[in-house]
């Protein structure tokens, strides 16, 4: 009986050691994955900062004004003036039409028969 207990304990110890070894490698793989994701996020943020800087550089008002003047014959773009803006009462909103129900369905009596 004592030998069976020793063998069972030894087998349980080997099983637990194998489980701990396996969990250690899974944990290391997950940590490596987290490091890769953090590196990817850092790279994406750096690329985003560069793109924002390029966007701000390309949208400089003096550059856009020069482009509008160069391409005036083709595009016909003019600078905006304050008298081009309207007020809210000049906006033409669509008419609101009443919803007409042509074939009503009574749903209140459908569950009462059960």
N, C-alpha and C. Protein backbone atom coordinates (compact mmCIF):
# COMPACT_ATOMS: atom_id res chain seq x y z
N UNK A 1 0.82 -1.19 0.00
CA UNK A 1 0.00 0.00 0.00
C UNK A 1 0.86 1.26 0.00
N UNK A 2 1.93 1.21 0.79
CA UNK A 2 2.83 2.36 0.87
C UNK A 2 3.53 2.57 -0.48
N UNK A 3 3.86 1.52 -1.17
CA UNK A 3 4.52 1.63 -2.48
C UNK A 3 3.59 2.29 -3.49
N UNK A 4 2.31 1.91 -3.45
CA UNK A 4 1.32 2.51 -4.34
C UNK A 4 1.20 4.02 -4.06
N UNK A 5 1.23 4.41 -2.79
CA UNK A 5 1.17 5.82 -2.43
C UNK A 5 2.41 6.55 -2.94
N UNK A 6 3.58 5.95 -2.83
CA UNK A 6 4.81 6.57 -3.31
C UNK A 6 4.79 6.73 -4.84
N UNK A 7 4.34 5.69 -5.53
CA UNK A 7 4.30 5.73 -7.00
C UNK A 7 3.28 6.78 -7.45
N UNK A 8 2.12 6.82 -6.79
CA UNK A 8 1.10 7.80 -7.15
C UNK A 8 1.59 9.22 -6.89
N UNK A 9 2.23 9.43 -5.76
CA UNK A 9 2.78 10.75 -5.44
C UNK A 9 3.86 11.15 -6.45
N UNK A 10 4.71 10.20 -6.81
CA UNK A 10 5.77 10.49 -7.78
C UNK A 10 5.18 10.83 -9.14
N UNK A 11 4.14 10.12 -9.56
CA UNK A 11 3.50 10.40 -10.84
C UNK A 11 2.80 11.77 -10.81
N UNK A 12 2.17 12.09 -9.67
CA UNK A 12 1.54 13.40 -9.54
C UNK A 12 2.59 14.50 -9.59
N UNK A 13 3.72 14.27 -8.97
CA UNK A 13 4.81 15.25 -8.99
C UNK A 13 5.33 15.45 -10.41
N UNK A 14 5.47 14.41 -11.16
CA UNK A 14 5.93 14.52 -12.55
C UNK A 14 4.88 15.25 -13.39
N UNK A 15 3.60 14.94 -13.17
CA UNK A 15 2.53 15.63 -13.90
C UNK A 15 2.50 17.12 -13.58
N UNK A 16 2.64 17.48 -12.31
CA UNK A 16 2.66 18.88 -11.94
C UNK A 16 3.89 19.60 -12.49
N UNK A 17 5.02 18.92 -12.52
CA UNK A 17 6.23 19.52 -13.09
C UNK A 17 6.04 19.78 -14.58
N UNK A 18 5.45 18.81 -15.29
CA UNK A 18 5.20 18.99 -16.72
C UNK A 18 4.23 20.15 -16.94
N UNK A 19 3.17 20.23 -16.11
CA UNK A 19 2.20 21.32 -16.23
C UNK A 19 2.86 22.68 -15.98
N UNK A 20 3.69 22.77 -14.95
CA UNK A 20 4.37 24.03 -14.64
C UNK A 20 5.33 24.41 -15.77
N UNK A 21 6.03 23.45 -16.33
CA UNK A 21 6.94 23.69 -17.45
C UNK A 21 6.16 24.22 -18.66
N UNK A 22 5.02 23.60 -18.94
CA UNK A 22 4.18 24.01 -20.07
C UNK A 22 3.62 25.41 -19.83
N UNK A 23 3.13 25.71 -18.64
CA UNK A 23 2.60 27.03 -18.32
C UNK A 23 3.68 28.10 -18.41
N UNK A 24 4.89 27.77 -18.01
CA UNK A 24 6.00 28.73 -18.10
C UNK A 24 6.25 29.12 -19.55
N UNK A 25 6.25 28.15 -20.46
CA UNK A 25 6.48 28.47 -21.86
C UNK A 25 5.31 29.25 -22.46
N UNK A 26 4.08 28.94 -22.05
CA UNK A 26 2.93 29.71 -22.54
C UNK A 26 2.99 31.14 -22.02
N UNK A 27 3.41 31.32 -20.78
CA UNK A 27 3.53 32.67 -20.22
C UNK A 27 4.61 33.45 -20.94
N UNK A 28 5.73 32.83 -21.22
CA UNK A 28 6.81 33.51 -21.95
C UNK A 28 6.35 33.90 -23.36
N UNK A 29 5.58 33.03 -24.00
CA UNK A 29 5.07 33.35 -25.34
C UNK A 29 4.09 34.52 -25.27
N UNK A 30 3.23 34.54 -24.24
CA UNK A 30 2.28 35.64 -24.10
C UNK A 30 3.01 36.95 -23.83
N UNK A 31 4.05 36.92 -23.00
CA UNK A 31 4.83 38.13 -22.73
C UNK A 31 5.54 38.63 -23.99
N UNK A 32 6.05 37.70 -24.79
CA UNK A 32 6.67 38.09 -26.07
C UNK A 32 5.64 38.73 -26.99
N UNK A 33 4.43 38.18 -27.00
CA UNK A 33 3.36 38.74 -27.81
C UNK A 33 3.01 40.15 -27.35
N UNK A 34 2.94 40.37 -26.04
CA UNK A 34 2.65 41.69 -25.50
C UNK A 34 3.76 42.67 -25.89
N UNK A 35 5.01 42.24 -25.82
CA UNK A 35 6.12 43.11 -26.23
C UNK A 35 6.01 43.48 -27.71
N UNK A 36 5.66 42.50 -28.55
CA UNK A 36 5.48 42.79 -29.97
C UNK A 36 4.35 43.79 -30.20
N UNK A 37 3.24 43.61 -29.47
CA UNK A 37 2.11 44.54 -29.62
C UNK A 37 2.49 45.95 -29.16
N UNK A 38 3.22 46.05 -28.06
CA UNK A 38 3.65 47.37 -27.60
C UNK A 38 4.58 48.03 -28.61
N UNK A 39 5.45 47.26 -29.21
CA UNK A 39 6.35 47.79 -30.22
C UNK A 39 5.55 48.25 -31.44
N UNK A 40 4.56 47.47 -31.84
CA UNK A 40 3.71 47.86 -32.97
C UNK A 40 2.93 49.14 -32.66
N UNK A 41 2.42 49.26 -31.43
CA UNK A 41 1.68 50.47 -31.05
C UNK A 41 2.60 51.67 -31.06
N UNK A 42 3.82 51.51 -30.55
CA UNK A 42 4.78 52.62 -30.54
C UNK A 42 5.11 53.04 -31.97
N UNK A 43 5.33 52.07 -32.85
CA UNK A 43 5.62 52.40 -34.25
C UNK A 43 4.43 53.10 -34.91
N UNK A 44 3.22 52.62 -34.61
CA UNK A 44 2.03 53.24 -35.20
C UNK A 44 1.85 54.67 -34.70
N UNK A 45 2.13 54.91 -33.43
CA UNK A 45 2.03 56.27 -32.90
C UNK A 45 3.08 57.18 -33.54
N UNK A 46 4.27 56.66 -33.77
CA UNK A 46 5.31 57.46 -34.42
C UNK A 46 4.89 57.79 -35.85
N UNK A 47 4.35 56.80 -36.58
CA UNK A 47 3.89 57.05 -37.94
C UNK A 47 2.75 58.06 -37.95
N UNK A 48 1.84 57.96 -36.97
CA UNK A 48 0.73 58.90 -36.88
C UNK A 48 1.22 60.32 -36.62
N UNK A 49 2.23 60.46 -35.77
CA UNK A 49 2.79 61.80 -35.50
C UNK A 49 3.40 62.39 -36.76
N UNK A 50 4.10 61.56 -37.54
CA UNK A 50 4.69 62.03 -38.79
C UNK A 50 3.59 62.43 -39.78
N UNK A 51 2.53 61.61 -39.87
CA UNK A 51 1.44 61.94 -40.79
C UNK A 51 0.72 63.22 -40.39
N UNK A 52 0.54 63.43 -39.08
CA UNK A 52 -0.09 64.67 -38.63
C UNK A 52 0.78 65.88 -38.96
N UNK A 53 2.10 65.73 -38.80
CA UNK A 53 3.00 66.83 -39.15
C UNK A 53 2.96 67.11 -40.65
N UNK A 54 2.95 66.05 -41.46
CA UNK A 54 2.87 66.25 -42.91
C UNK A 54 1.54 66.91 -43.30
N UNK A 55 0.46 66.49 -42.65
CA UNK A 55 -0.85 67.07 -42.94
C UNK A 55 -0.86 68.56 -42.60
N UNK A 56 -0.31 68.90 -41.45
CA UNK A 56 -0.26 70.31 -41.05
C UNK A 56 0.62 71.10 -42.02
N UNK A 57 1.70 70.50 -42.49
CA UNK A 57 2.59 71.18 -43.43
C UNK A 57 1.90 71.40 -44.77
N UNK A 58 1.18 70.39 -45.24
CA UNK A 58 0.51 70.50 -46.54
C UNK A 58 -0.72 71.42 -46.49
N UNK A 59 -1.30 71.62 -45.32
CA UNK A 59 -2.49 72.47 -45.20
C UNK A 59 -2.17 73.87 -44.72
N UNK A 60 -0.98 74.33 -44.94
CA UNK A 60 -0.64 75.71 -44.60
C UNK A 60 -1.48 76.66 -45.47
N UNK A 61 -2.07 77.69 -44.87
CA UNK A 61 -2.93 78.60 -45.64
C UNK A 61 -2.20 79.26 -46.81
N UNK A 62 -0.94 79.65 -46.63
CA UNK A 62 -0.23 80.30 -47.74
C UNK A 62 0.01 79.32 -48.89
N UNK A 63 0.29 78.05 -48.58
CA UNK A 63 0.48 77.05 -49.63
C UNK A 63 -0.83 76.80 -50.38
N UNK A 64 -1.94 76.67 -49.63
CA UNK A 64 -3.23 76.43 -50.27
C UNK A 64 -3.66 77.62 -51.12
N UNK A 65 -3.37 78.83 -50.64
CA UNK A 65 -3.69 80.04 -51.41
C UNK A 65 -2.90 80.04 -52.72
N UNK A 66 -1.60 79.71 -52.66
CA UNK A 66 -0.78 79.64 -53.88
C UNK A 66 -1.30 78.58 -54.84
N UNK A 67 -1.68 77.42 -54.31
CA UNK A 67 -2.21 76.36 -55.17
C UNK A 67 -3.53 76.78 -55.83
N UNK A 68 -4.38 77.48 -55.07
CA UNK A 68 -5.64 77.95 -55.65
C UNK A 68 -5.38 78.96 -56.76
N UNK A 69 -4.38 79.84 -56.58
CA UNK A 69 -4.06 80.81 -57.62
C UNK A 69 -3.47 80.14 -58.85
N UNK A 70 -2.59 79.17 -58.63
CA UNK A 70 -1.97 78.46 -59.77
C UNK A 70 -3.02 77.70 -60.58
N UNK A 71 -3.97 77.07 -59.90
CA UNK A 71 -4.98 76.23 -60.56
C UNK A 71 -6.30 76.95 -60.78
N UNK A 72 -6.31 78.29 -60.74
CA UNK A 72 -7.56 79.03 -60.90
C UNK A 72 -8.24 78.76 -62.24
N UNK A 73 -7.51 78.73 -63.36
CA UNK A 73 -8.21 78.48 -64.64
C UNK A 73 -8.93 77.13 -64.67
N UNK A 74 -8.38 76.14 -64.02
CA UNK A 74 -8.97 74.81 -64.04
C UNK A 74 -10.04 74.63 -62.97
N UNK A 75 -9.81 75.17 -61.75
CA UNK A 75 -10.72 74.93 -60.64
C UNK A 75 -11.67 76.08 -60.36
N UNK A 76 -11.24 77.29 -60.60
CA UNK A 76 -12.07 78.46 -60.34
C UNK A 76 -12.29 78.72 -58.86
N UNK A 77 -11.33 78.40 -58.02
CA UNK A 77 -11.47 78.61 -56.58
C UNK A 77 -11.14 80.05 -56.23
N UNK A 78 -11.98 80.65 -55.39
CA UNK A 78 -11.77 82.01 -54.92
C UNK A 78 -11.64 82.01 -53.41
N UNK A 79 -10.98 83.02 -52.83
CA UNK A 79 -10.91 83.08 -51.37
C UNK A 79 -12.30 83.31 -50.77
N UNK A 80 -12.50 82.78 -49.56
CA UNK A 80 -13.79 82.95 -48.90
C UNK A 80 -13.90 84.35 -48.32
N UNK A 81 -15.12 84.90 -48.40
CA UNK A 81 -15.38 86.23 -47.85
C UNK A 81 -16.48 86.11 -46.80
N UNK A 82 -16.54 87.05 -45.86
CA UNK A 82 -17.58 86.98 -44.82
C UNK A 82 -18.99 87.08 -45.36
N UNK A 83 -19.18 87.76 -46.50
CA UNK A 83 -20.55 87.90 -47.02
C UNK A 83 -21.05 86.62 -47.69
N UNK A 84 -20.19 85.59 -47.80
CA UNK A 84 -20.61 84.33 -48.40
C UNK A 84 -21.31 83.41 -47.40
N UNK A 85 -21.23 83.74 -46.12
CA UNK A 85 -21.87 82.91 -45.10
C UNK A 85 -23.30 83.36 -44.89
N UNK A 86 -24.20 82.42 -44.64
CA UNK A 86 -25.60 82.74 -44.43
C UNK A 86 -25.97 82.59 -42.96
N UNK A 87 -27.22 82.82 -42.68
CA UNK A 87 -27.74 82.65 -41.34
C UNK A 87 -28.63 81.42 -41.31
N UNK A 88 -28.99 80.99 -40.12
CA UNK A 88 -29.76 79.76 -39.98
C UNK A 88 -31.16 79.88 -40.57
N UNK A 89 -31.73 81.08 -40.56
CA UNK A 89 -33.08 81.23 -41.11
C UNK A 89 -33.09 81.19 -42.63
N UNK A 90 -31.94 81.19 -43.28
CA UNK A 90 -31.87 81.08 -44.73
C UNK A 90 -31.77 79.64 -45.21
N UNK A 91 -31.64 78.69 -44.28
CA UNK A 91 -31.52 77.28 -44.65
C UNK A 91 -32.90 76.75 -45.01
N UNK A 92 -32.99 76.09 -46.15
CA UNK A 92 -34.26 75.52 -46.60
C UNK A 92 -34.35 74.07 -46.11
N UNK A 93 -35.14 73.88 -45.06
CA UNK A 93 -35.34 72.54 -44.52
C UNK A 93 -36.46 71.85 -45.28
N UNK A 94 -36.40 70.52 -45.44
CA UNK A 94 -37.49 69.82 -46.14
C UNK A 94 -38.76 69.83 -45.28
N UNK A 95 -39.90 69.72 -45.96
CA UNK A 95 -41.18 69.69 -45.25
C UNK A 95 -41.29 68.41 -44.45
N UNK A 96 -41.97 68.51 -43.31
CA UNK A 96 -42.25 67.30 -42.53
C UNK A 96 -43.63 66.81 -42.92
N UNK A 97 -43.69 65.57 -43.37
CA UNK A 97 -44.95 64.98 -43.79
C UNK A 97 -45.45 64.03 -42.71
N UNK A 98 -46.73 64.01 -42.53
CA UNK A 98 -47.32 63.10 -41.54
C UNK A 98 -47.26 61.67 -42.08
N UNK A 99 -46.97 60.73 -41.20
CA UNK A 99 -46.91 59.33 -41.57
C UNK A 99 -48.33 58.77 -41.61
N UNK A 100 -48.71 58.24 -42.75
CA UNK A 100 -50.07 57.70 -42.93
C UNK A 100 -50.01 56.19 -42.80
N UNK A 101 -50.78 55.64 -41.86
CA UNK A 101 -50.86 54.19 -41.67
C UNK A 101 -52.06 53.70 -42.46
N UNK A 102 -51.83 52.83 -43.45
CA UNK A 102 -52.92 52.37 -44.31
C UNK A 102 -53.49 51.03 -43.87
N UNK A 103 -52.70 50.17 -43.26
CA UNK A 103 -53.19 48.84 -42.88
C UNK A 103 -52.72 48.54 -41.44
N UNK A 104 -53.45 49.03 -40.41
CA UNK A 104 -53.01 48.81 -39.04
C UNK A 104 -53.18 47.36 -38.61
N UNK A 105 -52.33 46.89 -37.72
CA UNK A 105 -52.36 45.53 -37.20
C UNK A 105 -52.55 45.62 -35.70
N UNK A 106 -53.51 44.89 -35.15
CA UNK A 106 -53.76 44.89 -33.71
C UNK A 106 -52.85 43.85 -33.08
N UNK A 107 -51.88 44.27 -32.32
CA UNK A 107 -50.93 43.35 -31.69
C UNK A 107 -51.27 43.11 -30.23
N UNK A 108 -52.16 43.89 -29.65
CA UNK A 108 -52.48 43.72 -28.24
C UNK A 108 -53.30 42.46 -27.98
N UNK A 109 -54.09 42.01 -28.93
CA UNK A 109 -54.92 40.82 -28.72
C UNK A 109 -54.23 39.54 -29.18
N UNK A 110 -53.05 39.62 -29.75
CA UNK A 110 -52.37 38.43 -30.27
C UNK A 110 -51.90 37.52 -29.13
N UNK A 111 -51.43 38.07 -28.01
CA UNK A 111 -50.92 37.26 -26.92
C UNK A 111 -52.00 36.91 -25.91
N UNK A 112 -53.20 37.47 -26.01
CA UNK A 112 -54.25 37.24 -25.02
C UNK A 112 -54.90 35.87 -25.17
N UNK A 113 -54.83 35.25 -26.33
CA UNK A 113 -55.51 33.98 -26.56
C UNK A 113 -54.76 32.82 -25.95
N UNK A 114 -53.52 33.01 -25.55
CA UNK A 114 -52.73 31.89 -25.02
C UNK A 114 -53.05 31.59 -23.60
